[in-house]
Structures are given as structure tokens and as C-alpha cells.
Amino acid sequence: MPSTRSGARYNHSRSSQKGHRHDYGRIQSVTEGQELTPPQEALVDIHKASQKAYNNSLQHKEYQRLADLWKNCMNLYLTVRKFMGHPNTCKLLNGWHPLMEKKKMMLLTEEWRQNNPSPPKKVPKTDPVARSRNSNIEKQP
């Protein structure tokens, strides 16, 4: 009975007994007993090396993306910092600067806090007692 594609996938011993060989993705010689010529061997070596390089690149792809993202973020930050610190930029923005704006807001907030103190907190008359389910254990003799 000839083996079907699904049969060859699940029963490798049967397909190998009949002399069939299913090595998908690999370079093979046309017949089993034929020896490879030097150019064919070089081609097989090149193919194996390229497969290895491809698999390694797949493994490190996520790490490379993370490194690229970090590099892009740092370059953007440095560019913005350089742009915002340039004297011509400050002139064009009439002295507006995001960091100075933040500082002004902090000063305004601090000034508002000094002018409007928070009401004093009510102090409880007794310290609160911690309650737990196991508090009755201490009462037992």
C-alpha cells in the first residue's frame, strides 16, 4: 500500500523502510549513493551556514529591535534637548521652555500651598487597636 503524505508525516519508520526520504528544506543529491562534487559540497556548506545564520538572526531579532528602539529614543531625546537649549529656539519661543514651565508651575504650587495651608488633621483620642481573627487566641489560658 503506497504511503500517503499524512502517513509519511506520522510514521517515519515505514517511509524509511521503503527507501523514501523526506528531508524538507535540505539540499540532497539526486540519488542516495551518489557522491557530491566539490562545487555541490560547497553549495551544501553555504546552505547550512546560511540556515544557521538565519536561525541565529531569528533568535536575536527581538533583542535587536529593543536595542534599536533604545537608540532611537536616546537620539530623539538628545536632538530635542539640543534644539530646546539653542539660543535661537529660545528667542523664537519668546523664552518658553518646557523645563522652565515645569519649574514655574512648581513655584506657583509652592506659593499656593504657603498661602493656603491645609487644615490640621484631627487627632484621634485613642490609638486604634489592630483587630484580627486570631485575637481570641491570646485570651485563652
N, C-alpha and C. Protein backbone atom coordinates (compact mmCIF):
# COMPACT_ATOMS: atom_id res chain seq x y z
N MET A 1 0.85 -1.17 0.00
CA MET A 1 0.00 0.00 0.00
C MET A 1 0.90 1.24 0.00
N PRO A 2 0.75 2.17 -0.96
CA PRO A 2 1.61 3.35 -1.00
C PRO A 2 1.31 4.27 0.18
N SER A 3 2.38 4.87 0.69
CA SER A 3 2.18 5.75 1.84
C SER A 3 1.68 7.10 1.34
N THR A 4 0.71 7.63 2.07
CA THR A 4 0.18 8.95 1.72
C THR A 4 1.03 10.01 2.39
N ARG A 5 0.75 11.24 2.07
CA ARG A 5 1.52 12.35 2.66
C ARG A 5 1.33 12.38 4.17
N SER A 6 0.09 12.20 4.63
CA SER A 6 -0.15 12.23 6.07
C SER A 6 0.48 11.02 6.74
N GLY A 7 0.49 9.86 6.06
CA GLY A 7 1.11 8.66 6.61
C GLY A 7 2.60 8.85 6.76
N ALA A 8 3.22 9.52 5.79
CA ALA A 8 4.66 9.74 5.86
C ALA A 8 4.99 10.72 6.99
N ARG A 9 4.07 11.61 7.27
CA ARG A 9 4.33 12.59 8.31
C ARG A 9 4.29 11.93 9.69
N TYR A 10 3.38 11.00 9.90
CA TYR A 10 3.22 10.41 11.23
C TYR A 10 4.00 9.12 11.42
N ASN A 11 4.34 8.40 10.35
CA ASN A 11 5.04 7.13 10.50
C ASN A 11 6.33 7.20 9.71
N HIS A 12 7.39 7.66 10.36
CA HIS A 12 8.65 7.84 9.67
C HIS A 12 9.34 6.50 9.42
N SER A 13 9.11 5.52 10.27
CA SER A 13 9.80 4.24 10.10
C SER A 13 9.34 3.55 8.82
N ARG A 14 8.06 3.64 8.49
CA ARG A 14 7.54 2.99 7.28
C ARG A 14 8.15 3.64 6.03
N SER A 15 8.23 4.96 6.02
CA SER A 15 8.75 5.63 4.84
C SER A 15 10.24 5.37 4.68
N SER A 16 10.99 5.21 5.79
CA SER A 16 12.42 4.95 5.67
C SER A 16 12.68 3.50 5.24
N GLN A 17 11.78 2.56 5.58
CA GLN A 17 11.96 1.18 5.16
C GLN A 17 11.79 1.04 3.65
N LYS A 18 10.95 1.86 3.05
CA LYS A 18 10.70 1.74 1.62
C LYS A 18 11.71 2.52 0.79
N GLY A 19 12.69 3.17 1.47
CA GLY A 19 13.71 3.88 0.72
C GLY A 19 13.33 5.33 0.42
N HIS A 20 12.18 5.80 0.92
CA HIS A 20 11.81 7.19 0.70
C HIS A 20 12.47 8.04 1.77
N ARG A 21 12.82 9.22 1.38
CA ARG A 21 13.44 10.10 2.35
C ARG A 21 12.82 11.48 2.22
N HIS A 22 12.26 11.99 3.32
CA HIS A 22 11.60 13.29 3.28
C HIS A 22 12.33 14.24 4.22
N ASP A 23 13.37 14.87 3.73
CA ASP A 23 14.08 15.90 4.49
C ASP A 23 13.81 17.22 3.81
N TYR A 24 12.70 17.83 4.19
CA TYR A 24 12.32 19.08 3.56
C TYR A 24 13.24 20.20 4.03
N GLY A 25 13.60 21.10 3.12
CA GLY A 25 14.42 22.23 3.49
C GLY A 25 15.91 21.96 3.44
N ARG A 26 16.34 20.76 3.05
CA ARG A 26 17.76 20.44 2.95
C ARG A 26 18.11 20.12 1.50
N ILE A 27 19.35 20.39 1.15
CA ILE A 27 19.81 20.06 -0.20
C ILE A 27 20.26 18.62 -0.20
N GLN A 28 19.77 17.84 -1.17
CA GLN A 28 20.14 16.43 -1.26
C GLN A 28 20.65 16.12 -2.65
N SER A 29 21.39 15.07 -2.70
CA SER A 29 21.81 14.61 -4.03
C SER A 29 20.62 13.92 -4.68
N VAL A 30 20.70 13.73 -5.99
CA VAL A 30 19.57 13.16 -6.73
C VAL A 30 19.36 11.71 -6.33
N THR A 31 20.41 10.94 -6.18
CA THR A 31 20.27 9.55 -5.73
C THR A 31 21.04 9.39 -4.43
N GLU A 32 20.68 8.34 -3.68
CA GLU A 32 21.27 8.13 -2.36
C GLU A 32 22.77 7.84 -2.43
N GLY A 33 23.23 7.03 -3.37
CA GLY A 33 24.61 6.58 -3.40
C GLY A 33 25.56 7.54 -4.09
N GLN A 34 25.07 8.59 -4.72
CA GLN A 34 25.92 9.48 -5.49
C GLN A 34 26.76 10.36 -4.57
N GLU A 35 28.04 10.49 -4.89
CA GLU A 35 28.91 11.35 -4.11
C GLU A 35 28.82 12.76 -4.66
N LEU A 36 28.94 13.74 -3.77
CA LEU A 36 28.84 15.13 -4.19
C LEU A 36 30.17 15.60 -4.76
N THR A 37 30.06 16.43 -5.79
CA THR A 37 31.26 17.05 -6.35
C THR A 37 31.67 18.21 -5.45
N PRO A 38 32.90 18.68 -5.55
CA PRO A 38 33.33 19.80 -4.70
C PRO A 38 32.43 21.03 -4.80
N PRO A 39 31.95 21.45 -5.99
CA PRO A 39 31.04 22.59 -6.00
C PRO A 39 29.73 22.31 -5.27
N GLN A 40 29.23 21.05 -5.39
CA GLN A 40 27.99 20.71 -4.68
C GLN A 40 28.22 20.72 -3.17
N GLU A 41 29.39 20.21 -2.72
CA GLU A 41 29.70 20.24 -1.29
C GLU A 41 29.79 21.68 -0.78
N ALA A 42 30.41 22.54 -1.59
CA ALA A 42 30.49 23.94 -1.20
C ALA A 42 29.10 24.55 -1.10
N LEU A 43 28.23 24.16 -2.05
CA LEU A 43 26.85 24.67 -2.03
C LEU A 43 26.12 24.20 -0.77
N VAL A 44 26.32 22.94 -0.39
CA VAL A 44 25.70 22.42 0.83
C VAL A 44 26.23 23.17 2.05
N ASP A 45 27.55 23.40 2.09
CA ASP A 45 28.13 24.15 3.22
C ASP A 45 27.58 25.56 3.30
N ILE A 46 27.47 26.21 2.14
CA ILE A 46 26.92 27.56 2.11
C ILE A 46 25.47 27.55 2.59
N HIS A 47 24.72 26.54 2.13
CA HIS A 47 23.32 26.46 2.54
C HIS A 47 23.20 26.26 4.05
N LYS A 48 24.02 25.35 4.60
CA LYS A 48 23.97 25.11 6.05
C LYS A 48 24.37 26.36 6.83
N ALA A 49 25.39 27.05 6.36
CA ALA A 49 25.82 28.27 7.05
C ALA A 49 24.74 29.34 6.99
N SER A 50 24.07 29.45 5.84
CA SER A 50 23.01 30.46 5.74
C SER A 50 21.83 30.10 6.62
N GLN A 51 21.48 28.80 6.72
CA GLN A 51 20.40 28.38 7.62
C GLN A 51 20.75 28.70 9.06
N LYS A 52 22.01 28.44 9.43
CA LYS A 52 22.45 28.71 10.80
C LYS A 52 22.38 30.21 11.10
N ALA A 53 22.85 31.01 10.15
CA ALA A 53 22.81 32.46 10.34
C ALA A 53 21.37 32.96 10.43
N TYR A 54 20.49 32.38 9.60
CA TYR A 54 19.09 32.78 9.61
C TYR A 54 18.45 32.44 10.96
N ASN A 55 18.70 31.23 11.46
CA ASN A 55 18.13 30.83 12.76
C ASN A 55 18.66 31.70 13.89
N ASN A 56 19.96 32.03 13.85
CA ASN A 56 20.52 32.91 14.88
C ASN A 56 19.89 34.29 14.82
N SER A 57 19.66 34.78 13.60
CA SER A 57 19.07 36.11 13.48
C SER A 57 17.63 36.11 13.99
N LEU A 58 16.92 35.00 13.79
CA LEU A 58 15.55 34.93 14.33
C LEU A 58 15.57 34.96 15.85
N GLN A 59 16.54 34.28 16.45
CA GLN A 59 16.61 34.25 17.91
C GLN A 59 16.91 35.63 18.49
N HIS A 60 17.77 36.39 17.81
CA HIS A 60 18.20 37.67 18.36
C HIS A 60 17.43 38.85 17.79
N LYS A 61 16.40 38.57 17.01
CA LYS A 61 15.64 39.66 16.38
C LYS A 61 14.99 40.57 17.41
N GLU A 62 14.37 39.99 18.44
CA GLU A 62 13.68 40.81 19.45
C GLU A 62 14.68 41.69 20.22
N TYR A 63 15.85 41.11 20.56
CA TYR A 63 16.84 41.90 21.28
C TYR A 63 17.34 43.05 20.41
N GLN A 64 17.50 42.79 19.10
CA GLN A 64 17.96 43.84 18.21
C GLN A 64 16.92 44.95 18.11
N ARG A 65 15.64 44.56 18.05
CA ARG A 65 14.58 45.57 18.00
C ARG A 65 14.60 46.44 19.24
N LEU A 66 14.81 45.83 20.40
CA LEU A 66 14.87 46.58 21.65
C LEU A 66 16.04 47.55 21.65
N ALA A 67 17.19 47.08 21.15
CA ALA A 67 18.37 47.96 21.08
C ALA A 67 18.12 49.13 20.13
N ASP A 68 17.48 48.84 19.00
CA ASP A 68 17.18 49.92 18.05
C ASP A 68 16.21 50.92 18.64
N LEU A 69 15.21 50.43 19.36
CA LEU A 69 14.24 51.32 19.99
C LEU A 69 14.93 52.23 21.01
N TRP A 70 15.80 51.65 21.83
CA TRP A 70 16.53 52.43 22.83
C TRP A 70 17.39 53.48 22.15
N LYS A 71 18.08 53.09 21.08
CA LYS A 71 18.95 54.02 20.36
C LYS A 71 18.15 55.17 19.77
N ASN A 72 16.99 54.84 19.18
CA ASN A 72 16.14 55.88 18.59
C ASN A 72 15.63 56.84 19.67
N CYS A 73 15.22 56.30 20.81
CA CYS A 73 14.71 57.15 21.90
C CYS A 73 15.81 58.09 22.40
N MET A 74 17.01 57.57 22.58
CA MET A 74 18.11 58.40 23.06
C MET A 74 18.46 59.48 22.04
N ASN A 75 18.49 59.12 20.76
CA ASN A 75 18.79 60.11 19.73
C ASN A 75 17.73 61.20 19.70
N LEU A 76 16.47 60.80 19.84
CA LEU A 76 15.39 61.79 19.85
C LEU A 76 15.52 62.72 21.05
N TYR A 77 15.80 62.14 22.22
CA TYR A 77 15.96 62.94 23.43
C TYR A 77 17.10 63.95 23.27
N LEU A 78 18.25 63.47 22.75
CA LEU A 78 19.40 64.37 22.58
C LEU A 78 19.09 65.46 21.57
N THR A 79 18.37 65.10 20.51
CA THR A 79 18.01 66.10 19.50
C THR A 79 17.10 67.17 20.09
N VAL A 80 16.09 66.74 20.84
CA VAL A 80 15.16 67.69 21.45
C VAL A 80 15.88 68.57 22.46
N ARG A 81 16.75 67.97 23.25
CA ARG A 81 17.49 68.76 24.25
C ARG A 81 18.38 69.80 23.58
N LYS A 82 19.03 69.38 22.49
CA LYS A 82 19.89 70.30 21.76
C LYS A 82 19.05 71.43 21.15
N PHE A 83 17.90 71.06 20.60
CA PHE A 83 17.01 72.05 19.98
C PHE A 83 16.48 73.04 21.01
N MET A 84 16.02 72.52 22.16
CA MET A 84 15.43 73.40 23.17
C MET A 84 16.48 74.29 23.83
N GLY A 85 17.73 73.85 23.88
CA GLY A 85 18.77 74.64 24.52
C GLY A 85 19.40 75.66 23.59
N HIS A 86 19.06 75.60 22.31
CA HIS A 86 19.69 76.52 21.35
C HIS A 86 19.16 77.94 21.57
N PRO A 87 20.04 78.96 21.57
CA PRO A 87 19.58 80.33 21.84
C PRO A 87 18.53 80.83 20.85
N ASN A 88 18.68 80.47 19.57
CA ASN A 88 17.70 80.93 18.58
C ASN A 88 16.32 80.34 18.87
N THR A 89 16.28 79.09 19.33
CA THR A 89 14.99 78.47 19.66
C THR A 89 14.33 79.23 20.81
N CYS A 90 15.13 79.57 21.82
CA CYS A 90 14.58 80.31 22.96
C CYS A 90 14.02 81.66 22.52
N LYS A 91 14.73 82.32 21.57
CA LYS A 91 14.23 83.60 21.08
C LYS A 91 12.92 83.42 20.32
N LEU A 92 12.88 82.39 19.47
CA LEU A 92 11.67 82.17 18.67
C LEU A 92 10.48 81.81 19.55
N LEU A 93 10.73 81.11 20.63
CA LEU A 93 9.63 80.71 21.52
C LEU A 93 9.34 81.76 22.59
N ASN A 94 9.96 82.93 22.47
CA ASN A 94 9.78 84.02 23.44
C ASN A 94 10.11 83.57 24.86
N GLY A 95 11.16 82.79 24.98
CA GLY A 95 11.60 82.37 26.31
C GLY A 95 10.85 81.18 26.87
N TRP A 96 9.87 80.63 26.12
CA TRP A 96 9.13 79.48 26.65
C TRP A 96 10.01 78.24 26.57
N HIS A 97 10.05 77.53 27.65
CA HIS A 97 10.87 76.32 27.71
C HIS A 97 10.11 75.32 28.58
N PRO A 98 9.95 74.09 28.14
CA PRO A 98 9.13 73.15 28.93
C PRO A 98 9.66 72.94 30.34
N LEU A 99 10.98 72.87 30.48
CA LEU A 99 11.52 72.66 31.83
C LEU A 99 11.30 73.89 32.71
N MET A 100 11.46 75.08 32.11
CA MET A 100 11.21 76.30 32.88
C MET A 100 9.72 76.40 33.24
N GLU A 101 8.88 75.95 32.31
CA GLU A 101 7.43 75.96 32.56
C GLU A 101 7.11 75.06 33.76
N LYS A 102 7.76 73.92 33.80
CA LYS A 102 7.55 73.00 34.93
C LYS A 102 8.02 73.64 36.24
N LYS A 103 9.17 74.31 36.16
CA LYS A 103 9.70 74.97 37.35
C LYS A 103 8.75 76.07 37.84
N LYS A 104 8.20 76.85 36.89
CA LYS A 104 7.25 77.91 37.26
C LYS A 104 6.01 77.32 37.92
N MET A 105 5.51 76.21 37.36
CA MET A 105 4.32 75.57 37.94
C MET A 105 4.62 75.07 39.35
N MET A 106 5.83 74.52 39.54
CA MET A 106 6.18 74.06 40.89
C MET A 106 6.25 75.23 41.86
N LEU A 107 6.82 76.35 41.40
CA LEU A 107 6.91 77.53 42.27
C LEU A 107 5.52 78.07 42.60
N LEU A 108 4.64 78.10 41.56
CA LEU A 108 3.28 78.56 41.80
C LEU A 108 2.55 77.65 42.80
N THR A 109 2.76 76.36 42.65
CA THR A 109 2.12 75.41 43.56
C THR A 109 2.63 75.61 44.98
N GLU A 110 3.95 75.81 45.09
CA GLU A 110 4.53 76.02 46.42
C GLU A 110 4.00 77.32 47.05
N GLU A 111 3.89 78.36 46.22
CA GLU A 111 3.35 79.63 46.71
C GLU A 111 1.90 79.47 47.15
N TRP A 112 1.12 78.72 46.38
CA TRP A 112 -0.30 78.50 46.73
C TRP A 112 -0.40 77.73 48.04
N ARG A 113 0.50 76.76 48.23
CA ARG A 113 0.49 75.97 49.47
C ARG A 113 0.81 76.85 50.68
N GLN A 114 1.74 77.78 50.48
CA GLN A 114 2.10 78.66 51.61
C GLN A 114 0.94 79.59 51.96
N ASN A 115 0.23 80.09 50.94
CA ASN A 115 -0.89 80.99 51.18
C ASN A 115 -2.14 80.26 51.68
N ASN A 116 -2.29 79.02 51.31
CA ASN A 116 -3.47 78.23 51.70
C ASN A 116 -3.02 76.97 52.44
N PRO A 117 -2.70 77.07 53.69
CA PRO A 117 -2.25 75.88 54.42
C PRO A 117 -3.40 74.88 54.56
N SER A 118 -3.02 73.63 54.58
CA SER A 118 -4.05 72.59 54.73
C SER A 118 -4.58 72.61 56.16
N PRO A 119 -5.86 72.29 56.33
CA PRO A 119 -6.42 72.29 57.69
C PRO A 119 -5.74 71.22 58.54
N PRO A 120 -5.61 71.49 59.85
CA PRO A 120 -4.94 70.50 60.69
C PRO A 120 -5.75 69.20 60.77
N LYS A 121 -5.02 68.10 60.80
CA LYS A 121 -5.70 66.80 60.86
C LYS A 121 -6.24 66.56 62.27
N LYS A 122 -7.39 65.93 62.34
CA LYS A 122 -7.97 65.59 63.63
C LYS A 122 -7.17 64.44 64.24
N VAL A 123 -6.77 64.60 65.47
CA VAL A 123 -6.01 63.57 66.15
C VAL A 123 -6.99 62.67 66.90
N PRO A 124 -6.95 61.39 66.66
CA PRO A 124 -7.88 60.51 67.39
C PRO A 124 -7.54 60.48 68.88
N LYS A 125 -8.58 60.33 69.71
CA LYS A 125 -8.38 60.36 71.16
C LYS A 125 -7.61 59.14 71.64
N THR A 126 -7.90 57.98 71.04
CA THR A 126 -7.19 56.77 71.43
C THR A 126 -6.55 56.16 70.19
N ASP A 127 -5.47 55.45 70.43
CA ASP A 127 -4.82 54.78 69.31
C ASP A 127 -5.70 53.64 68.82
N PRO A 128 -5.85 53.50 67.52
CA PRO A 128 -6.66 52.39 67.02
C PRO A 128 -6.01 51.05 67.34
N VAL A 129 -6.84 50.09 67.72
CA VAL A 129 -6.34 48.77 68.07
C VAL A 129 -6.45 47.88 66.85
N ALA A 130 -5.35 47.20 66.56
CA ALA A 130 -5.37 46.29 65.40
C ALA A 130 -6.23 45.09 65.73
N ARG A 131 -7.12 44.77 64.83
CA ARG A 131 -8.01 43.62 65.06
C ARG A 131 -7.64 42.52 64.07
N SER A 132 -7.76 41.30 64.56
CA SER A 132 -7.52 40.17 63.66
C SER A 132 -8.39 39.01 64.11
N ARG A 133 -8.48 38.04 63.28
CA ARG A 133 -9.30 36.86 63.62
C ARG A 133 -8.67 36.06 64.75
N ASN A 134 -7.36 36.17 64.87
CA ASN A 134 -6.64 35.37 65.87
C ASN A 134 -6.49 36.09 67.20
N SER A 135 -7.19 37.20 67.40
CA SER A 135 -7.05 37.94 68.66
C SER A 135 -7.60 37.14 69.84
N ASN A 136 -8.54 36.23 69.57
CA ASN A 136 -9.10 35.45 70.68
C ASN A 136 -8.14 34.38 71.18
N ILE A 137 -7.08 34.09 70.44
CA ILE A 137 -6.13 33.06 70.87
C ILE A 137 -5.40 33.53 72.13
N GLU A 138 -5.09 34.83 72.19
CA GLU A 138 -4.37 35.35 73.35
C GLU A 138 -5.22 35.29 74.61
N LYS A 139 -6.54 35.35 74.48
CA LYS A 139 -7.41 35.34 75.64
C LYS A 139 -7.52 33.95 76.28
N GLN A 140 -7.28 32.92 75.50
CA GLN A 140 -7.41 31.57 76.05
C GLN A 140 -6.24 31.27 76.98
N PRO A 141 -6.50 30.52 78.10
CA PRO A 141 -5.42 30.20 79.05
C PRO A 141 -4.45 29.18 78.49
